[in-house]
C-alpha atoms as a PDB file:
ATOM      1  CA  MET A   1      12.168   6.676  -6.995  1.00  0.00           C
ATOM      2  CA  ASN A   2      10.710   5.514  -3.698  1.00  0.00           C
ATOM      3  CA  HIS A   3       9.593   1.983  -2.905  1.00  0.00           C
ATOM      4  CA  TRP A   4       6.551   1.102  -0.815  1.00  0.00           C
ATOM      5  CA  LEU A   5       4.591  -1.767   0.635  1.00  0.00           C
ATOM      6  CA  MET A   6       0.833  -1.169   0.567  1.00  0.00           C
ATOM      7  CA  LYS A   7      -1.433  -3.410   2.608  1.00  0.00           C
ATOM      8  CA  THR A   8      -5.014  -4.282   1.800  1.00  0.00           C
ATOM      9  CA  GLU A   9      -7.479  -6.920   2.863  1.00  0.00           C
ATOM     10  CA  PRO A  10      -8.359  -9.067  -0.158  1.00  0.00           C
ATOM     11  CA  THR A  11     -11.981  -9.343   1.010  1.00  0.00           C
ATOM     12  CA  THR A  12     -12.245  -5.531   0.868  1.00  0.00           C
ATOM     13  CA  PHE A  13     -10.089  -4.744  -2.170  1.00  0.00           C
ATOM     14  CA  GLY A  14      -7.458  -7.167  -3.400  1.00  0.00           C
ATOM     15  CA  ILE A  15      -5.330  -7.854  -6.413  1.00  0.00           C
ATOM     16  CA  ASP A  16      -8.270  -9.388  -8.285  1.00  0.00           C
ATOM     17  CA  ASP A  17     -10.238  -6.158  -7.846  1.00  0.00           C
ATOM     18  CA  LEU A  18      -7.282  -4.099  -9.031  1.00  0.00           C
ATOM     19  CA  ALA A  19      -6.790  -6.364 -12.058  1.00  0.00           C
ATOM     20  CA  ARG A  20     -10.454  -5.805 -13.040  1.00  0.00           C
ATOM     21  CA  ALA A  21     -10.305  -2.010 -12.630  1.00  0.00           C
ATOM     22  CA  PRO A  22     -10.209   0.124 -15.775  1.00  0.00           C
ATOM     23  CA  ARG A  23      -6.566   0.298 -16.942  1.00  0.00           C
ATOM     24  CA  LYS A  24      -5.796  -1.767 -13.801  1.00  0.00           C
ATOM     25  CA  THR A  25      -5.702   1.554 -11.961  1.00  0.00           C
ATOM     26  CA  THR A  26      -7.389   2.713  -8.765  1.00  0.00           C
ATOM     27  CA  MET A  27      -7.358   5.440  -6.160  1.00  0.00           C
ATOM     28  CA  TRP A  28      -5.720   4.162  -2.967  1.00  0.00           C
ATOM     29  CA  ASP A  29      -8.092   5.839  -0.536  1.00  0.00           C
ATOM     30  CA  GLY A  30      -9.539   5.338   2.912  1.00  0.00           C
ATOM     31  CA  VAL A  31      -6.243   5.504   4.797  1.00  0.00           C
ATOM     32  CA  ARG A  32      -7.043   6.919   8.231  1.00  0.00           C
ATOM     33  CA  ASN A  33      -3.731   6.945  10.051  1.00  0.00           C
ATOM     34  CA  TYR A  34      -1.796  10.205  10.344  1.00  0.00           C
ATOM     35  CA  GLN A  35       1.647   8.683   9.819  1.00  0.00           C
ATOM     36  CA  ALA A  36       0.460   6.868   6.666  1.00  0.00           C
ATOM     37  CA  ARG A  37      -1.387  10.030   5.567  1.00  0.00           C
ATOM     38  CA  ASN A  38       1.815  12.031   5.815  1.00  0.00           C
ATOM     39  CA  MET A  39       3.605   9.561   3.552  1.00  0.00           C
ATOM     40  CA  LEU A  40       0.760   9.602   1.010  1.00  0.00           C
ATOM     41  CA  ARG A  41       0.674  13.399   1.058  1.00  0.00           C
ATOM     42  CA  ASP A  42       4.385  14.208   1.230  1.00  0.00           C
ATOM     43  CA  ASP A  43       6.463  11.264   0.040  1.00  0.00           C
ATOM     44  CA  PHE A  44       4.656   9.302  -2.674  1.00  0.00           C
ATOM     45  CA  ALA A  45       5.586  10.400  -6.202  1.00  0.00           C
ATOM     46  CA  LYS A  46       4.485   9.464  -9.679  1.00  0.00           C
ATOM     47  CA  GLY A  47       6.665   6.589 -10.862  1.00  0.00           C
ATOM     48  CA  ASP A  48       7.285   5.108  -7.412  1.00  0.00           C
ATOM     49  CA  ARG A  49       6.956   1.329  -7.160  1.00  0.00           C
ATOM     50  CA  ALA A  50       4.928  -0.505  -4.541  1.00  0.00           C
ATOM     51  CA  LEU A  51       4.427  -4.083  -3.486  1.00  0.00           C
ATOM     52  CA  LEU A  52       0.784  -5.042  -2.973  1.00  0.00           C
ATOM     53  CA  TYR A  53       0.407  -6.995   0.262  1.00  0.00           C
ATOM     54  CA  HIS A  54      -2.672  -8.968   1.295  1.00  0.00           C
ATOM     55  CA  SER A  55      -3.296  -8.825   5.050  1.00  0.00           C
ATOM     56  CA  SER A  56      -5.930 -10.212   7.418  1.00  0.00           C
ATOM     57  CA  CYS A  57      -6.342 -13.351   5.338  1.00  0.00           C
ATOM     58  CA  ALA A  58      -5.424 -17.039   5.505  1.00  0.00           C
ATOM     59  CA  VAL A  59      -2.026 -16.504   3.841  1.00  0.00           C
ATOM     60  CA  PRO A  60      -0.826 -12.914   4.215  1.00  0.00           C
ATOM     61  CA  GLY A  61       1.887 -11.881   1.818  1.00  0.00           C
ATOM     62  CA  VAL A  62       3.086  -9.932  -1.198  1.00  0.00           C
ATOM     63  CA  VAL A  63       0.946 -10.651  -4.263  1.00  0.00           C
ATOM     64  CA  GLY A  64       1.794  -7.999  -6.858  1.00  0.00           C
ATOM     65  CA  VAL A  65       3.783  -5.026  -8.091  1.00  0.00           C
ATOM     66  CA  MET A  66       2.179  -1.618  -8.594  1.00  0.00           C
ATOM     67  CA  ARG A  67       3.295   1.731  -9.931  1.00  0.00           C
ATOM     68  CA  VAL A  68       2.180   5.066  -8.505  1.00  0.00           C
ATOM     69  CA  VAL A  69       0.529   6.951 -11.377  1.00  0.00           C
ATOM     70  CA  ARG A  70      -0.635  10.002  -9.415  1.00  0.00           C
ATOM     71  CA  ALA A  71       1.040  11.499  -6.355  1.00  0.00           C
ATOM     72  CA  GLY A  72      -0.849  12.446  -3.188  1.00  0.00           C
ATOM     73  CA  TYR A  73      -4.063  14.442  -3.472  1.00  0.00           C
ATOM     74  CA  PRO A  74      -7.043  15.015  -1.133  1.00  0.00           C
ATOM     75  CA  ASP A  75      -9.036  11.840  -0.462  1.00  0.00           C
ATOM     76  CA  ALA A  76     -12.571  12.660  -1.619  1.00  0.00           C
ATOM     77  CA  SER A  77     -14.029   9.749   0.375  1.00  0.00           C
ATOM     78  CA  ALA A  78     -13.493  11.855   3.519  1.00  0.00           C
ATOM     79  CA  PHE A  79     -16.052  14.392   2.238  1.00  0.00           C
ATOM     80  CA  ASP A  80     -18.712  11.905   1.080  1.00  0.00           C
ATOM     81  CA  ARG A  81     -21.295  11.306   3.810  1.00  0.00           C
ATOM     82  CA  LYS A  82     -22.309   8.030   2.152  1.00  0.00           C
ATOM     83  CA  ASP A  83     -18.774   6.631   2.106  1.00  0.00           C
ATOM     84  CA  ALA A  84     -17.518   4.336   4.864  1.00  0.00           C
ATOM     85  CA  HIS A  85     -14.421   6.546   5.130  1.00  0.00           C
ATOM     86  CA  TYR A  86     -16.366   9.783   5.661  1.00  0.00           C
ATOM     87  CA  ASP A  87     -14.776  12.143   8.176  1.00  0.00           C
ATOM     88  CA  ALA A  88     -17.022  14.973   9.365  1.00  0.00           C
ATOM     89  CA  GLY A  89     -13.967  16.871  10.606  1.00  0.00           C
ATOM     90  CA  SER A  90     -12.188  16.880   7.262  1.00  0.00           C
ATOM     91  CA  ASP A  91     -12.462  20.191   5.423  1.00  0.00           C
ATOM     92  CA  PRO A  92     -12.062  20.364   1.608  1.00  0.00           C
ATOM     93  CA  ALA A  93     -10.252  23.695   2.055  1.00  0.00           C
ATOM     94  CA  ASN A  94      -7.771  22.031   4.422  1.00  0.00           C
ATOM     95  CA  PRO A  95      -7.956  18.259   3.733  1.00  0.00           C
ATOM     96  CA  ARG A  96      -7.087  15.885   6.515  1.00  0.00           C
ATOM     97  CA  TRP A  97      -6.735  12.710   4.396  1.00  0.00           C
ATOM     98  CA  TYR A  98      -4.887  11.941   1.169  1.00  0.00           C
ATOM     99  CA  ALA A  99      -4.901   9.291  -1.544  1.00  0.00           C
ATOM    100  CA  VAL A 100      -2.676   8.236  -4.436  1.00  0.00           C
ATOM    101  CA  ASP A 101      -3.483   6.435  -7.673  1.00  0.00           C
ATOM    102  CA  VAL A 102      -1.800   3.102  -8.338  1.00  0.00           C
ATOM    103  CA  GLN A 103      -1.702   0.805 -11.334  1.00  0.00           C
ATOM    104  CA  LEU A 104      -1.113  -2.931 -11.285  1.00  0.00           C
ATOM    105  CA  GLU A 105       2.062  -3.770 -13.173  1.00  0.00           C
ATOM    106  CA  ARG A 106       1.942  -7.496 -12.572  1.00  0.00           C
ATOM    107  CA  ARG A 107       0.830 -10.283 -10.312  1.00  0.00           C
ATOM    108  CA  LEU A 108       3.602 -12.240  -8.708  1.00  0.00           C
ATOM    109  CA  ALA A 109       4.020 -15.840  -9.840  1.00  0.00           C
ATOM    110  CA  ARG A 110       3.316 -16.860  -6.250  1.00  0.00           C
ATOM    111  CA  VAL A 111       2.508 -15.263  -2.909  1.00  0.00           C
ATOM    112  CA  ILE A 112       5.624 -14.310  -0.973  1.00  0.00           C
ATOM    113  CA  THR A 113       4.233 -15.078   2.452  1.00  0.00           C
ATOM    114  CA  LEU A 114       4.682 -13.166   5.681  1.00  0.00           C
ATOM    115  CA  GLU A 115       6.175 -16.342   7.136  1.00  0.00           C
ATOM    116  CA  GLU A 116       8.794 -16.394   4.376  1.00  0.00           C
ATOM    117  CA  LEU A 117       9.567 -12.699   4.884  1.00  0.00           C
ATOM    118  CA  ARG A 118      10.020 -13.290   8.616  1.00  0.00           C
ATOM    119  CA  ARG A 119      12.674 -15.939   7.894  1.00  0.00           C
ATOM    120  CA  HIS A 120      14.828 -13.144   6.449  1.00  0.00           C
ATOM    121  CA  ALA A 121      14.070 -10.535   9.155  1.00  0.00           C
ATOM    122  CA  SER A 122      17.445 -10.736  10.870  1.00  0.00           C
ATOM    123  CA  ARG A 123      19.557 -10.382   7.732  1.00  0.00           C
ATOM    124  CA  LYS A 124      18.265  -9.362   4.306  1.00  0.00           C
ATOM    125  CA  LEU A 125      15.092  -7.685   5.616  1.00  0.00           C
ATOM    126  CA  ALA A 126      16.491  -6.266   8.853  1.00  0.00           C
ATOM    127  CA  GLY A 127      14.647  -3.086   9.817  1.00  0.00           C
ATOM    128  CA  MET A 128      11.693  -3.687   7.493  1.00  0.00           C
ATOM    129  CA  ILE A 129       8.704  -1.979   9.141  1.00  0.00           C
ATOM    130  CA  LEU A 130       6.241  -4.769   8.283  1.00  0.00           C
ATOM    131  CA  LEU A 131       8.333  -7.216  10.312  1.00  0.00           C
ATOM    132  CA  GLN A 132       8.583  -5.039  13.420  1.00  0.00           C
ATOM    133  CA  ARG A 133       6.415  -5.963  16.376  1.00  0.00           C
ATOM    134  CA  GLY A 134       3.263  -3.853  16.603  1.00  0.00           C
ATOM    135  CA  SER A 135       3.530  -2.418  13.093  1.00  0.00           C
ATOM    136  CA  ARG A 136       0.049  -1.796  11.715  1.00  0.00           C
ATOM    137  CA  LEU A 137       0.624   0.824   9.025  1.00  0.00           C
ATOM    138  CA  SER A 138      -1.260   0.272   5.777  1.00  0.00           C
ATOM    139  CA  VAL A 139       1.461   1.969   3.718  1.00  0.00           C
ATOM    140  CA  MET A 140       5.129   1.826   4.576  1.00  0.00           C
ATOM    141  CA  PRO A 141       8.398   2.686   2.897  1.00  0.00           C
ATOM    142  CA  LEU A 142      10.776   0.005   1.705  1.00  0.00           C
ATOM    143  CA  THR A 143      14.445   0.434   1.018  1.00  0.00           C
ATOM    144  CA  GLU A 144      15.445  -0.372  -2.540  1.00  0.00           C
ATOM    145  CA  ALA A 145      17.434  -3.327  -1.159  1.00  0.00           C
ATOM    146  CA  HIS A 146      14.345  -4.702   0.645  1.00  0.00           C
ATOM    147  CA  TYR A 147      12.187  -4.190  -2.459  1.00  0.00           C
ATOM    148  CA  GLU A 148      14.662  -5.980  -4.737  1.00  0.00           C
ATOM    149  CA  PHE A 149      15.267  -8.801  -2.254  1.00  0.00           C
ATOM    150  CA  ILE A 150      11.547  -9.472  -1.820  1.00  0.00           C
ATOM    151  CA  LEU A 151      11.095  -9.683  -5.585  1.00  0.00           C
ATOM    152  CA  SER A 152      14.096 -12.027  -5.808  1.00  0.00           C
ATOM    153  CA  LEU A 153      12.173 -14.489  -3.616  1.00  0.00           C
ATOM    154  CA  GLU A 154       9.588 -14.912  -6.358  1.00  0.00           C
END
């Protein structure tokens, strides 16, 4: 099983939106970064666990735990001219962008803030991509140790 951190802006689609979705499940679409795309396409697997992270907000941090319920598949939003994530260069026969389906397992009892994560960057969370300068990926792998340590902060 792989572990992931998946970033979203709560004003666009946050944990409250996911909690209201049918079966608390949604397609994680709209990712338009090739490195993140490769992970969605090649590395995500059904049963993987992910931490839901709110970014670009007053208090960025980890807010929930999700489970991957469908591995990578072509992101249909790339083919929909009316969608904000439409990509005229993406071909259904050779898709450029991928999505996965995730399901909310639980909200955390509290937000584990970016500031709190940074306090552990030199020891328990050393090497965590989120904490590296210039990291802007919307999906990123976590080691099992990082995943378990972050949840222990709850």
